[in-house]
Structures are given as structure tokens and as C-alpha cells.
Amino acid sequence: AVVSTQSTGREIQANLTASAVKNIPESLRELAQQNRVMKRELLLHQDSIYETEQEIRQIKEDIRKLQKQYKKKTSLLNTTTTDICTPDTELTLDIPTHKMLPV
């Protein structure tokens, strides 16, 4: 008895909805349809925006890590090169040469 009452209630609701929709002007129905389509498109774009924001956060984190690595490497270079060459400094070049063996 409860099931038939629920199904009868649904049928009445469906009939009332159908008759109400028939009384709505065509232009308003088209506008409502366009609004539903735009709402779906907005949801799709929101997902895309969220994914892009996640990628941006990851890229920024990678950039920070690379900058830290660069600073460490440049600081190591700066501490190891303490000798400065001036114009008066005498340089000795030690270029290996191939010596011919006696035959």
C-alpha cells in the first residue's frame, strides 16, 4: 500500500511538472537549457583550473629546490676560488707534450 502511494505521488508530481513546463514560454525554456549547459561547462572548467593550480604549486616548489641547490653550488665555488690573479702574477703553464722515443 505504501509503494503504490509513493508511485501515485510521483505520477501526480510528474504530471504537474509536465503541465507547468508546457505553460512556460519557449524562450524561457531555451534560456533554462542554456543555463544548465553553462553550469556543466563551468564545473568542467573549475576542475581544469584546480588541476592547473596544483601543477603551478608543484612547479614553484621545484623552482625553490633548484634555487637552493644553485645557491649551495655557487657558495662552494666562491669559497674554493680564493686565489686572485693580478696582472703582475706570473703563471707557469704545464702543458703535457708527447716525446718521441728513440728508434
C-alpha atoms as a PDB file:
ATOM      1  CA  ALA A   1       0.000   0.000   0.000  1.00  0.00           C
ATOM      2  CA  VAL A   2       2.908   2.354   0.790  1.00  0.00           C
ATOM      3  CA  VAL A   3       4.639   1.598  -2.515  1.00  0.00           C
ATOM      4  CA  SER A   4       1.520   2.340  -4.567  1.00  0.00           C
ATOM      5  CA  THR A   5       1.010   5.629  -2.676  1.00  0.00           C
ATOM      6  CA  GLN A   6       4.608   6.666  -3.432  1.00  0.00           C
ATOM      7  CA  SER A   7       4.317   5.760  -7.111  1.00  0.00           C
ATOM      8  CA  THR A   8       0.957   7.575  -7.336  1.00  0.00           C
ATOM      9  CA  GLY A   9       2.550  10.622  -5.703  1.00  0.00           C
ATOM     10  CA  ARG A  10       5.396  10.516  -8.210  1.00  0.00           C
ATOM     11  CA  GLU A  11       2.948  10.240 -11.106  1.00  0.00           C
ATOM     12  CA  ILE A  12       0.983  13.238  -9.839  1.00  0.00           C
ATOM     13  CA  GLN A  13       4.212  15.220  -9.402  1.00  0.00           C
ATOM     14  CA  ALA A  14       5.379  14.279 -12.916  1.00  0.00           C
ATOM     15  CA  ASN A  15       2.015  15.304 -14.414  1.00  0.00           C
ATOM     16  CA  LEU A  16       2.050  18.631 -12.559  1.00  0.00           C
ATOM     17  CA  THR A  17       5.625  19.293 -13.646  1.00  0.00           C
ATOM     18  CA  ALA A  18       4.839  18.464 -17.284  1.00  0.00           C
ATOM     19  CA  SER A  19       1.819  20.762 -17.313  1.00  0.00           C
ATOM     20  CA  ALA A  20       3.807  23.564 -15.628  1.00  0.00           C
ATOM     21  CA  VAL A  21       6.592  23.200 -18.205  1.00  0.00           C
ATOM     22  CA  LYS A  22       4.054  23.441 -21.036  1.00  0.00           C
ATOM     23  CA  ASN A  23       2.890  26.786 -19.679  1.00  0.00           C
ATOM     24  CA  ILE A  24       6.435  28.237 -19.667  1.00  0.00           C
ATOM     25  CA  PRO A  25       7.272  30.247 -22.806  1.00  0.00           C
ATOM     26  CA  GLU A  26       9.636  28.572 -25.279  1.00  0.00           C
ATOM     27  CA  SER A  27      12.267  31.328 -24.961  1.00  0.00           C
ATOM     28  CA  LEU A  28      12.396  30.823 -21.193  1.00  0.00           C
ATOM     29  CA  ARG A  29      12.793  27.056 -21.606  1.00  0.00           C
ATOM     30  CA  GLU A  30      15.663  27.610 -24.053  1.00  0.00           C
ATOM     31  CA  LEU A  31      17.271  30.026 -21.606  1.00  0.00           C
ATOM     32  CA  ALA A  32      16.985  27.443 -18.815  1.00  0.00           C
ATOM     33  CA  GLN A  33      18.578  24.814 -21.063  1.00  0.00           C
ATOM     34  CA  GLN A  34      21.440  27.175 -21.910  1.00  0.00           C
ATOM     35  CA  ASN A  35      21.931  27.844 -18.187  1.00  0.00           C
ATOM     36  CA  ARG A  36      22.168  24.105 -17.475  1.00  0.00           C
ATOM     37  CA  VAL A  37      24.740  23.681 -20.251  1.00  0.00           C
ATOM     38  CA  MET A  38      26.798  26.619 -18.975  1.00  0.00           C
ATOM     39  CA  LYS A  39      26.672  25.238 -15.429  1.00  0.00           C
ATOM     40  CA  ARG A  40      28.113  21.912 -16.637  1.00  0.00           C
ATOM     41  CA  GLU A  41      30.817  23.748 -18.597  1.00  0.00           C
ATOM     42  CA  LEU A  42      31.702  25.824 -15.533  1.00  0.00           C
ATOM     43  CA  LEU A  43      32.135  22.674 -13.465  1.00  0.00           C
ATOM     44  CA  LEU A  44      34.434  21.222 -16.119  1.00  0.00           C
ATOM     45  CA  HIS A  45      36.498  24.406 -16.218  1.00  0.00           C
ATOM     46  CA  GLN A  46      36.697  24.530 -12.417  1.00  0.00           C
ATOM     47  CA  ASP A  47      38.239  21.058 -12.432  1.00  0.00           C
ATOM     48  CA  SER A  48      40.709  22.150 -15.081  1.00  0.00           C
ATOM     49  CA  ILE A  49      41.586  25.280 -13.095  1.00  0.00           C
ATOM     50  CA  TYR A  50      42.142  23.210  -9.945  1.00  0.00           C
ATOM     51  CA  GLU A  51      44.478  20.821 -11.778  1.00  0.00           C
ATOM     52  CA  THR A  52      46.405  23.732 -13.284  1.00  0.00           C
ATOM     53  CA  GLU A  53      46.779  25.362  -9.860  1.00  0.00           C
ATOM     54  CA  GLN A  54      48.162  22.088  -8.490  1.00  0.00           C
ATOM     55  CA  GLU A  55      50.703  21.965 -11.329  1.00  0.00           C
ATOM     56  CA  ILE A  56      51.703  25.571 -10.645  1.00  0.00           C
ATOM     57  CA  ARG A  57      52.259  24.804  -6.941  1.00  0.00           C
ATOM     58  CA  GLN A  58      54.431  21.817  -7.850  1.00  0.00           C
ATOM     59  CA  ILE A  59      56.462  23.840 -10.353  1.00  0.00           C
ATOM     60  CA  LYS A  60      57.014  26.622  -7.800  1.00  0.00           C
ATOM     61  CA  GLU A  61      58.224  24.065  -5.268  1.00  0.00           C
ATOM     62  CA  ASP A  62      60.614  22.594  -7.858  1.00  0.00           C
ATOM     63  CA  ILE A  63      61.921  26.091  -8.637  1.00  0.00           C
ATOM     64  CA  ARG A  64      62.569  26.739  -4.917  1.00  0.00           C
ATOM     65  CA  LYS A  65      64.507  23.475  -4.649  1.00  0.00           C
ATOM     66  CA  LEU A  66      66.579  24.298  -7.731  1.00  0.00           C
ATOM     67  CA  GLN A  67      67.337  27.779  -6.398  1.00  0.00           C
ATOM     68  CA  LYS A  68      68.559  26.292  -3.105  1.00  0.00           C
ATOM     69  CA  GLN A  69      70.779  23.845  -4.996  1.00  0.00           C
ATOM     70  CA  TYR A  70      72.160  26.680  -7.131  1.00  0.00           C
ATOM     71  CA  LYS A  71      72.938  28.795  -4.061  1.00  0.00           C
ATOM     72  CA  LYS A  72      74.758  25.859  -2.431  1.00  0.00           C
ATOM     73  CA  LYS A  73      76.817  25.193  -5.553  1.00  0.00           C
ATOM     74  CA  THR A  74      77.731  28.840  -6.097  1.00  0.00           C
ATOM     75  CA  SER A  75      78.695  29.249  -2.455  1.00  0.00           C
ATOM     76  CA  LEU A  76      81.010  26.231  -2.795  1.00  0.00           C
ATOM     77  CA  LEU A  77      82.583  27.771  -5.881  1.00  0.00           C
ATOM     78  CA  ASN A  78      83.090  31.079  -4.138  1.00  0.00           C
ATOM     79  CA  THR A  79      84.836  29.502  -1.141  1.00  0.00           C
ATOM     80  CA  THR A  80      87.219  27.346  -3.191  1.00  0.00           C
ATOM     81  CA  THR A  81      88.489  30.082  -5.502  1.00  0.00           C
ATOM     82  CA  THR A  82      90.392  32.382  -3.172  1.00  0.00           C
ATOM     83  CA  ASP A  83      93.413  32.936  -5.431  1.00  0.00           C
ATOM     84  CA  ILE A  84      93.071  36.046  -7.488  1.00  0.00           C
ATOM     85  CA  CYS A  85      95.261  36.636 -10.499  1.00  0.00           C
ATOM     86  CA  THR A  86      96.566  40.146 -10.895  1.00  0.00           C
ATOM     87  CA  PRO A  87      98.410  41.462 -13.944  1.00  0.00           C
ATOM     88  CA  ASP A  88     101.714  41.047 -12.066  1.00  0.00           C
ATOM     89  CA  THR A  89     101.109  37.399 -11.240  1.00  0.00           C
ATOM     90  CA  GLU A  90     103.453  35.064 -13.041  1.00  0.00           C
ATOM     91  CA  LEU A  91     101.830  31.981 -14.471  1.00  0.00           C
ATOM     92  CA  THR A  92     103.507  28.748 -15.387  1.00  0.00           C
ATOM     93  CA  LEU A  93     101.736  26.613 -17.912  1.00  0.00           C
ATOM     94  CA  ASP A  94     102.323  22.920 -17.596  1.00  0.00           C
ATOM     95  CA  ILE A  95     101.206  21.559 -20.956  1.00  0.00           C
ATOM     96  CA  PRO A  96     101.952  17.884 -21.485  1.00  0.00           C
ATOM     97  CA  THR A  97     103.944  17.186 -24.622  1.00  0.00           C
ATOM     98  CA  HIS A  98     104.497  13.909 -26.411  1.00  0.00           C
ATOM     99  CA  LYS A  99     108.126  12.967 -26.511  1.00  0.00           C
ATOM    100  CA  MET A 100     109.354  10.851 -29.313  1.00  0.00           C
ATOM    101  CA  LEU A 101     111.001   7.640 -28.284  1.00  0.00           C
ATOM    102  CA  PRO A 102     114.379   6.811 -29.837  1.00  0.00           C
ATOM    103  CA  VAL A 103     114.197   4.325 -32.642  1.00  0.00           C
END
